Structure formats: structure tokens, C-alpha cells
Amino acid sequence: MKAARFHGRKDIRIEEVPEPELRPGAVAIDVAWCGICGTDLHEYLDGPIFCPAPGHPHPLSHEESPVTLGHEFSGTVSALGEGVADLAVGDSVVVEPYFVCDECGPCRAGNYHLCEKMGFIGLAGGGGGLSEKIVVDRRWVHPIGDIPLDQAALIEPLSVAHHAVRRSDASAGDVALVGGAGPIGLLVAAVLKAEGVTVIMSELSDARKAKARETGVADHVIDPSQEDLIARVREITGGVGADVAFECTSVNAVLDQLFDAVKPTGVIVNVSIWGKPAQLDMQKLVLKEIDLRGTIAYVRDHAATIRLVQEGKVDLEPFITGRIALDDLIDEGFDTLINRNETAVKIIVHP
């Protein structure tokens, strides 16, 4: 079968690889669609980061590069391994793409997303969604009912957003400031709106500002290069400041603005992955008693996230801005998102 394989920095190849073998307790899936994630772009430009380097196999997958990429994917069940009785061939599913040890302190405490050896299927090995087929342990396979499979490829990043919102403790009636209207920022806003939170979006890109408006995920869209963001937030909140804020850019200037925009005792959640250390004004954190919280991926979020989509509280269709074939992954996918990212939000791949 065809698969997109990460060999090294700026070296991803579409190759023929053996189809995966079904094993007891696992599910075989024909991949329908797979999203290109910012993490995939980081691997391409600067990796290996999450992908295990040659000669350094991942402790749980036991694989090293080259590995098959793709961790945001949907598909249909094609076969069930021995012992799997609660799914059927033909079911539409998504995958929570984890490797965890189930033995370390965080795993024993129920925080499997913080596993000391954690890896992601589609980065650390185990196959990936940028291939025709994959075999995944039943534990990580989530049925999605009648959600269209192209939209379902966004369940994984929507689960990232759902977990970030949970980390913020935001509730209906709050005002949230989201820094950055990229894919994750838009999906964070979508979850916030579904929970009854008023959303202010800060973004420079015309295309992304337009997407925030047309999807209806933001009540206010502000370009900080054209308006005084802090003054506008105070105006919208009656001089109080935002209750919560989300950093979705890994841009230091955005993080700095969030500290000024939240109210005293406000919460800032860092959602983005930073390629280098950030700087922050500790005096602002101290004098305003701000909570700065990290968030990574998801833990027991997929079921609730799927329900948001099934109940019509989040519409994923408008976030898909491109559909491409696997053979066009680099030219029409990675190159667009790296060099013309203002023209695209989410590109999905049909293997």
C-alpha cells in the first residue's frame, strides 16, 4: 500500500509499504481522510522531534525513522481482531492516536496523555493516517455514527481544543480571548461557543479573520495591527478584562498581549507547541494573580467531542479548505501550509 514516510528533515516520501497485519484486540481500518497537522509541518521543517530518530527507536512502538505520518484521521472498519465484539465491519471511526505504557505514575493516576513514554500513532510509529490502511488497538478506536468521514478527520484537533477549554475552566457567560485563528485557534473558539462563552479572536491574516467570521465561532474579530486589542477587550468586557485567554500561535507578542488582556485572577491556557523558549513578564503574572496553564493533546475527550459534532453544536465542514490526494501531499499540502498558510486553514488528504 502507499504511505507517506518521514525519513528526516524535509524528506518525506510516498512509498510502497506492506499492509499492516491484524492482531488480537485490534481493529483494521481503511483510512478515508487524514488532516495535515502543524506538528507534521514541524517534523518536516525541523524534525525529527516526535518522530524517533534513526538508531533511537521509540520505547513503546519500538520503531525508528522512517515512520508513516498522519495522526488526524478517519476511516471505516475493515476487520476485527480476536476479542473485539463491540464494533462492526463498515463502522465509521476515528482514532485517538496514542502509545502509552500504563505503568508510570501519570498513567496510574489516569493521566495517560502525560505518560512518561507517550508517543503518537503517526509520529512515533504504529502506521499512520497518511496511508491506505492501519491497524489500531480497540482501546483507541471511537465510533462516530453518521458524521461524514471528511469532517471526522477534524475530530482529533477538535479534541485538542476540547481539552484546552476544559483546562481553562471557562463556563457559559464568560468572555474568552483566543490569540490566533489558525486551525486550533478556530476549533478552540468553536468549542467555547458551543459552551456558551463569548469569544474575542485576535488575528492578523485576512483569510483567517474571514474564516473566523464566516464560521461564526467568534463574536468579535480584532486585528491587533489595526486596532488597540487591549482597549477593545476592555470595552467589550466593561473594563474588566477577559476571563480566560488561549495562546494558539507560539508567538511571544501574542502571549504578552494575553497577560494584559485578562482580568486579575484570569486564566491563560497555552495551547501551541513552541519551537524555542518563550519569555513572559512574571511581574504581570504575580501582580494580577494570573493562572498560566499548559495543555497537551487530550485525555478522555473524544467521546464528548464527538457528541458536540453529532448534536450540531460544532460544524466542522467550513474549516476544511482543501482536499488532496496522497501523491500531492508535499506540493499541494505541506508547501501550501508552510509558504501560503494565509490561503488555507485545514487541508485533508485522501490516501
Protein backbone atom coordinates (compact mmCIF):
# COMPACT_ATOMS: atom_id res chain seq x y z
CA MET A 1 0.00 0.00 0.00
CA LYS A 2 1.01 3.64 -0.34
CA ALA A 3 2.19 5.59 2.71
CA ALA A 4 3.83 8.93 3.42
CA ARG A 5 7.06 8.16 5.25
CA PHE A 6 9.16 10.58 7.30
CA HIS A 7 12.85 9.91 6.67
CA GLY A 8 14.30 13.15 8.03
CA ARG A 9 14.16 16.91 7.83
CA LYS A 10 12.50 17.99 4.55
CA ASP A 11 12.48 14.35 3.47
CA ILE A 12 9.00 12.82 3.29
CA ARG A 13 8.47 10.20 0.61
CA ILE A 14 5.38 8.47 -0.77
CA GLU A 15 6.43 4.82 -0.71
CA GLU A 16 5.06 1.32 -1.08
CA VAL A 17 4.98 -0.49 2.28
CA PRO A 18 3.45 -3.78 3.41
CA GLU A 19 -0.15 -3.67 4.59
CA PRO A 20 -0.40 -3.95 8.41
CA GLU A 21 -1.36 -7.31 9.89
CA LEU A 22 -4.42 -7.65 12.10
CA ARG A 23 -3.70 -8.74 15.67
CA PRO A 24 -5.89 -9.85 18.59
CA GLY A 25 -7.67 -6.98 20.33
CA ALA A 26 -7.11 -4.63 17.41
CA VAL A 27 -9.15 -3.11 14.59
CA ALA A 28 -8.21 -2.85 10.91
CA ILE A 29 -9.25 0.47 9.36
CA ASP A 30 -9.39 1.63 5.75
CA VAL A 31 -8.32 5.27 6.01
CA ALA A 32 -10.74 7.75 4.42
CA TRP A 33 -9.23 11.15 5.23
CA CYS A 34 -6.24 12.43 7.17
CA GLY A 35 -5.57 16.03 8.17
CA ILE A 36 -2.18 17.71 7.88
CA CYS A 37 -1.29 18.97 11.36
CA GLY A 38 1.04 21.75 12.44
CA THR A 39 3.05 19.05 14.19
CA ASP A 40 3.59 17.34 10.82
CA LEU A 41 4.90 20.64 9.45
CA HIS A 42 7.27 21.00 12.42
CA GLU A 43 8.61 17.49 11.75
CA TYR A 44 9.12 18.30 8.09
CA LEU A 45 10.92 21.59 8.75
CA ASP A 46 12.85 20.82 11.93
CA GLY A 47 12.50 17.11 12.75
CA PRO A 48 12.90 14.58 13.99
CA ILE A 49 11.02 15.94 17.04
CA PHE A 50 8.24 13.49 17.89
CA CYS A 51 9.41 11.03 15.24
CA PRO A 52 12.10 8.70 16.61
CA ALA A 53 15.49 9.38 15.04
CA PRO A 54 17.32 6.59 13.20
CA GLY A 55 19.06 4.39 15.74
CA HIS A 56 16.81 5.60 18.56
CA PRO A 57 13.62 3.51 18.47
CA HIS A 58 10.60 4.72 20.42
CA PRO A 59 10.31 2.81 23.72
CA LEU A 60 6.71 1.73 23.09
CA SER A 61 6.39 1.41 19.30
CA HIS A 62 9.98 0.08 19.00
CA GLU A 63 10.15 1.86 15.63
CA GLU A 64 12.63 4.40 14.32
CA SER A 65 12.54 6.61 11.25
CA PRO A 66 11.41 6.18 8.57
CA VAL A 67 7.90 6.07 10.03
CA THR A 68 4.48 6.62 8.47
CA LEU A 69 2.95 10.02 9.26
CA GLY A 70 -0.63 11.10 9.98
CA HIS A 71 -2.46 11.24 13.31
CA GLU A 72 -5.67 13.16 12.44
CA PHE A 73 -7.66 10.57 10.52
CA SER A 74 -10.99 8.86 9.95
CA GLY A 75 -11.94 5.65 8.24
CA THR A 76 -14.12 2.56 8.11
CA VAL A 77 -13.60 -0.70 9.97
CA SER A 78 -12.45 -3.41 7.55
CA ALA A 79 -11.76 -6.27 10.00
CA LEU A 80 -11.91 -7.04 13.72
CA GLY A 81 -9.20 -8.79 15.66
CA GLU A 82 -9.90 -11.66 18.03
CA GLY A 83 -11.78 -10.46 21.10
CA VAL A 84 -13.25 -7.30 19.57
CA ALA A 85 -17.05 -7.63 19.65
CA ASP A 86 -18.41 -4.08 20.10
CA LEU A 87 -17.67 -2.77 16.60
CA ALA A 88 -18.76 -4.00 13.17
CA VAL A 89 -17.13 -4.09 9.75
CA GLY A 90 -18.20 -0.92 7.92
CA ASP A 91 -18.45 1.25 11.04
CA SER A 92 -17.17 4.81 10.64
CA VAL A 93 -14.48 5.55 13.22
CA VAL A 94 -11.74 7.92 14.31
CA VAL A 95 -8.61 7.12 16.28
CA GLU A 96 -7.22 8.62 19.48
CA PRO A 97 -3.62 8.14 18.34
CA TYR A 98 -1.68 7.21 21.48
CA PHE A 99 1.07 4.93 22.64
CA VAL A 100 1.11 4.82 26.47
CA CYS A 101 2.82 2.49 28.93
CA ASP A 102 0.03 2.11 31.56
CA GLU A 103 2.77 1.68 34.17
CA CYS A 104 4.24 5.11 35.02
CA GLY A 105 2.91 7.49 37.68
CA PRO A 106 0.81 9.64 35.34
CA CYS A 107 -0.71 6.56 33.67
CA ARG A 108 -1.59 5.01 37.03
CA ALA A 109 -3.18 8.32 38.04
CA GLY A 110 -5.38 8.25 34.93
CA ASN A 111 -3.39 10.92 33.09
CA TYR A 112 -2.36 8.69 30.22
CA HIS A 113 -1.79 11.75 27.99
CA LEU A 114 1.14 12.61 30.29
CA CYS A 115 2.70 9.14 30.09
CA GLU A 116 6.45 9.31 30.60
CA LYS A 117 6.97 7.28 27.41
CA MET A 118 3.99 8.67 25.47
CA GLY A 119 4.06 8.73 21.71
CA PHE A 120 1.55 9.41 18.95
CA ILE A 121 0.49 6.92 16.30
CA GLY A 122 1.52 8.55 13.04
CA LEU A 123 4.57 10.19 14.59
CA ALA A 124 6.23 7.62 16.86
CA GLY A 125 5.31 4.65 14.67
CA GLY A 126 2.37 2.28 14.52
CA GLY A 127 1.49 3.24 10.97
CA GLY A 128 -0.40 6.45 10.31
CA GLY A 129 -3.33 8.09 8.62
CA LEU A 130 -1.26 9.16 5.61
CA SER A 131 -1.54 5.60 4.32
CA GLU A 132 -4.26 3.42 2.88
CA LYS A 133 -4.76 1.14 5.89
CA ILE A 134 -3.90 0.98 9.57
CA VAL A 135 -4.34 -1.44 12.49
CA VAL A 136 -5.03 0.10 15.91
CA ASP A 137 -5.78 -1.37 19.35
CA ARG A 138 -9.54 -1.29 20.04
CA ARG A 139 -8.96 0.96 23.08
CA TRP A 140 -8.16 3.92 20.83
CA VAL A 141 -10.92 3.49 18.23
CA HIS A 142 -14.02 5.68 18.58
CA PRO A 143 -17.20 5.11 16.53
CA ILE A 144 -18.67 8.30 15.07
CA GLY A 145 -22.05 7.22 13.74
CA ASP A 146 -23.15 9.25 10.71
CA ILE A 147 -20.62 12.10 10.94
CA PRO A 148 -19.22 12.50 7.38
CA LEU A 149 -15.76 10.98 7.16
CA ASP A 150 -14.11 14.10 5.73
CA GLN A 151 -15.34 16.18 8.66
CA ALA A 152 -14.43 13.39 11.07
CA ALA A 153 -10.75 13.85 10.20
CA LEU A 154 -11.02 17.03 12.30
CA ILE A 155 -12.28 15.22 15.42
CA GLU A 156 -8.68 14.79 16.63
CA PRO A 157 -7.76 18.51 16.54
CA LEU A 158 -11.23 19.34 17.88
CA SER A 159 -10.41 17.06 20.83
CA VAL A 160 -7.24 19.11 21.40
CA ALA A 161 -9.45 22.19 21.53
CA HIS A 162 -11.97 20.49 23.84
CA HIS A 163 -9.22 19.55 26.29
CA ALA A 164 -7.80 23.09 26.21
CA VAL A 165 -11.22 24.54 27.03
CA ARG A 166 -11.61 22.04 29.88
CA ARG A 167 -8.22 23.13 31.21
CA SER A 168 -9.40 26.76 31.28
CA ASP A 169 -12.49 26.10 33.44
CA ALA A 170 -14.38 28.51 31.17
CA SER A 171 -18.14 28.35 31.56
CA ALA A 172 -21.24 29.85 29.94
CA GLY A 173 -21.33 33.61 30.30
CA ASP A 174 -17.55 34.03 30.40
CA VAL A 175 -15.58 36.07 27.87
CA ALA A 176 -12.60 34.39 26.22
CA LEU A 177 -9.81 35.87 24.10
CA VAL A 178 -8.29 33.49 21.56
CA GLY A 179 -4.89 34.51 20.21
CA GLY A 180 -4.57 33.20 16.66
CA ALA A 181 -7.18 31.99 14.16
CA GLY A 182 -5.23 29.06 12.78
CA PRO A 183 -6.84 25.60 12.80
CA ILE A 184 -6.51 25.04 16.55
CA GLY A 185 -7.48 28.61 17.48
CA LEU A 186 -10.62 28.35 15.35
CA LEU A 187 -11.54 25.00 16.87
CA VAL A 188 -10.92 26.30 20.42
CA ALA A 189 -13.32 29.14 19.55
CA ALA A 190 -15.84 26.62 18.20
CA VAL A 191 -15.83 24.65 21.47
CA LEU A 192 -16.08 27.85 23.52
CA LYS A 193 -19.10 29.00 21.50
CA ALA A 194 -20.72 25.58 21.94
CA GLU A 195 -20.29 26.03 25.70
CA GLY A 196 -21.95 29.48 25.71
CA VAL A 197 -18.77 31.55 26.05
CA THR A 198 -18.38 34.92 24.29
CA VAL A 199 -15.32 34.74 22.02
CA ILE A 200 -12.94 37.52 21.01
CA MET A 201 -10.49 36.44 18.29
CA SER A 202 -7.16 38.18 17.66
CA GLU A 203 -5.68 37.59 14.21
CA LEU A 204 -3.60 39.39 11.54
CA SER A 205 -4.31 37.27 8.44
CA ASP A 206 -7.20 38.50 6.28
CA ALA A 207 -8.10 34.94 5.23
CA ARG A 208 -8.16 33.68 8.80
CA LYS A 209 -10.11 36.69 10.04
CA ALA A 210 -12.65 35.96 7.31
CA LYS A 211 -12.83 32.30 8.34
CA ALA A 212 -13.44 33.26 11.98
CA ARG A 213 -16.30 35.49 10.87
CA GLU A 214 -17.91 33.19 8.32
CA THR A 215 -17.88 30.16 10.64
CA GLY A 216 -19.50 32.19 13.41
CA VAL A 217 -17.05 30.94 16.05
CA ALA A 218 -16.04 34.47 17.12
CA ASP A 219 -18.31 37.22 18.39
CA HIS A 220 -15.57 39.81 17.85
CA VAL A 221 -12.63 39.55 15.42
CA ILE A 222 -9.84 42.06 16.09
CA ASP A 223 -6.69 42.72 14.06
CA PRO A 224 -4.14 43.99 16.62
CA SER A 225 -2.16 45.68 13.83
CA GLN A 226 -5.20 47.86 13.06
CA GLU A 227 -6.83 48.28 16.48
CA ASP A 228 -5.74 48.51 20.13
CA LEU A 229 -6.52 44.95 21.21
CA ILE A 230 -6.34 45.61 24.95
CA ALA A 231 -8.60 48.67 24.70
CA ARG A 232 -11.13 46.71 22.64
CA VAL A 233 -11.15 43.80 25.12
CA ARG A 234 -11.76 46.22 27.97
CA GLU A 235 -14.52 47.91 26.02
CA ILE A 236 -16.24 44.58 25.31
CA THR A 237 -15.91 43.44 28.94
CA GLY A 238 -16.98 46.70 30.57
CA GLY A 239 -13.43 47.47 31.69
CA VAL A 240 -12.94 44.14 33.47
CA GLY A 241 -10.80 42.12 31.05
CA ALA A 242 -11.24 38.64 29.59
CA ASP A 243 -12.00 35.79 31.99
CA VAL A 244 -9.81 33.35 30.06
CA ALA A 245 -7.37 33.51 27.13
CA PHE A 246 -5.82 30.93 24.82
CA GLU A 247 -2.37 31.18 23.20
CA CYS A 248 -2.61 29.39 19.84
CA THR A 249 0.28 30.90 17.85
CA SER A 250 3.61 30.26 19.64
CA VAL A 251 4.31 33.96 19.03
CA ASN A 252 5.71 35.83 22.03
CA ALA A 253 3.96 39.11 21.20
CA VAL A 254 0.61 37.31 21.35
CA LEU A 255 1.41 35.77 24.74
CA ASP A 256 2.39 39.21 26.05
CA GLN A 257 -0.95 40.66 24.95
CA LEU A 258 -2.89 37.93 26.71
CA PHE A 259 -1.32 38.92 30.04
CA ASP A 260 -2.56 42.48 29.51
CA ALA A 261 -5.99 41.42 28.25
CA VAL A 262 -7.12 39.03 31.00
CA LYS A 263 -8.68 40.27 34.19
CA PRO A 264 -6.94 39.93 37.58
CA THR A 265 -7.26 36.22 38.58
CA GLY A 266 -7.77 35.42 34.89
CA VAL A 267 -6.61 32.18 33.28
CA ILE A 268 -4.27 31.85 30.30
CA VAL A 269 -4.03 28.46 28.60
CA ASN A 270 -1.04 27.82 26.34
CA VAL A 271 -2.24 25.53 23.55
CA SER A 272 0.53 25.94 20.97
CA ILE A 273 3.76 23.98 20.73
CA TRP A 274 6.77 26.30 20.93
CA GLY A 275 9.89 25.72 18.86
CA LYS A 276 12.00 27.81 21.24
CA PRO A 277 11.67 29.07 24.84
CA ALA A 278 9.12 31.82 25.40
CA GLN A 279 9.62 34.90 27.54
CA LEU A 280 6.96 36.20 29.89
CA ASP A 281 6.60 39.10 32.29
CA MET A 282 6.46 37.36 35.66
CA GLN A 283 5.53 40.64 37.33
CA LYS A 284 2.23 40.69 35.45
CA LEU A 285 1.54 37.09 36.41
CA VAL A 286 2.25 37.89 40.07
CA LEU A 287 0.52 41.26 40.40
CA LYS A 288 -2.66 40.11 38.64
CA GLU A 289 -2.61 36.59 40.18
CA ILE A 290 -2.92 35.11 36.71
CA ASP A 291 -3.09 31.35 36.24
CA LEU A 292 -0.90 30.20 33.33
CA ARG A 293 -1.81 26.62 32.37
CA GLY A 294 -0.37 24.17 29.92
CA THR A 295 -2.39 21.73 27.86
CA ILE A 296 -1.29 18.81 25.71
CA ALA A 297 -3.46 16.77 23.38
CA TYR A 298 -6.48 15.15 25.09
CA VAL A 299 -7.48 12.64 27.75
CA ARG A 300 -10.95 11.09 27.72
CA ASP A 301 -12.07 13.96 25.44
CA HIS A 302 -13.02 12.14 22.26
CA ALA A 303 -16.47 10.91 23.30
CA ALA A 304 -17.61 14.38 24.41
CA THR A 305 -16.05 15.95 21.32
CA ILE A 306 -17.86 13.53 19.01
CA ARG A 307 -21.14 14.37 20.77
CA LEU A 308 -20.60 18.10 20.13
CA VAL A 309 -20.47 17.35 16.41
CA GLN A 310 -23.32 14.81 16.43
CA GLU A 311 -25.57 17.26 18.28
CA GLY A 312 -24.82 20.03 15.78
CA LYS A 313 -23.10 22.26 18.33
CA VAL A 314 -19.92 22.34 16.21
CA ASP A 315 -19.97 22.30 12.39
CA LEU A 316 -16.63 21.10 11.05
CA GLU A 317 -17.35 21.42 7.33
CA PRO A 318 -16.40 25.13 6.99
CA PHE A 319 -12.93 24.55 8.42
CA ILE A 320 -11.87 22.26 5.56
CA THR A 321 -10.26 24.44 2.90
CA GLY A 322 -8.55 21.79 0.76
CA ARG A 323 -8.88 18.13 -0.20
CA ILE A 324 -5.91 16.48 -1.91
CA ALA A 325 -4.56 13.07 -2.92
CA LEU A 326 -1.68 11.42 -1.08
CA ASP A 327 0.62 11.83 -4.10
CA ASP A 328 0.14 15.62 -3.84
CA LEU A 329 0.99 15.76 -0.12
CA ILE A 330 4.13 17.91 -0.40
CA ASP A 331 3.35 20.15 -3.40
CA GLU A 332 -0.30 20.91 -2.60
CA GLY A 333 -0.31 20.22 1.13
CA PHE A 334 2.90 20.98 3.01
CA ASP A 335 4.08 23.68 0.61
CA THR A 336 0.74 25.50 0.81
CA LEU A 337 0.61 25.37 4.61
CA ILE A 338 4.26 26.43 5.03
CA ASN A 339 4.59 29.09 2.33
CA ARG A 340 0.99 30.22 1.70
CA ASN A 341 -0.67 29.50 5.02
CA GLU A 342 -2.87 32.57 4.79
CA THR A 343 -4.71 30.81 1.93
CA ALA A 344 -5.63 27.66 3.86
CA VAL A 345 -6.98 26.57 7.21
CA LYS A 346 -7.24 22.78 7.08
CA ILE A 347 -6.08 20.57 4.24
CA ILE A 348 -7.17 16.94 4.37
CA VAL A 349 -5.66 14.05 2.40
CA HIS A 350 -7.46 11.08 0.82
CA PRO A 351 -5.00 8.17 0.77
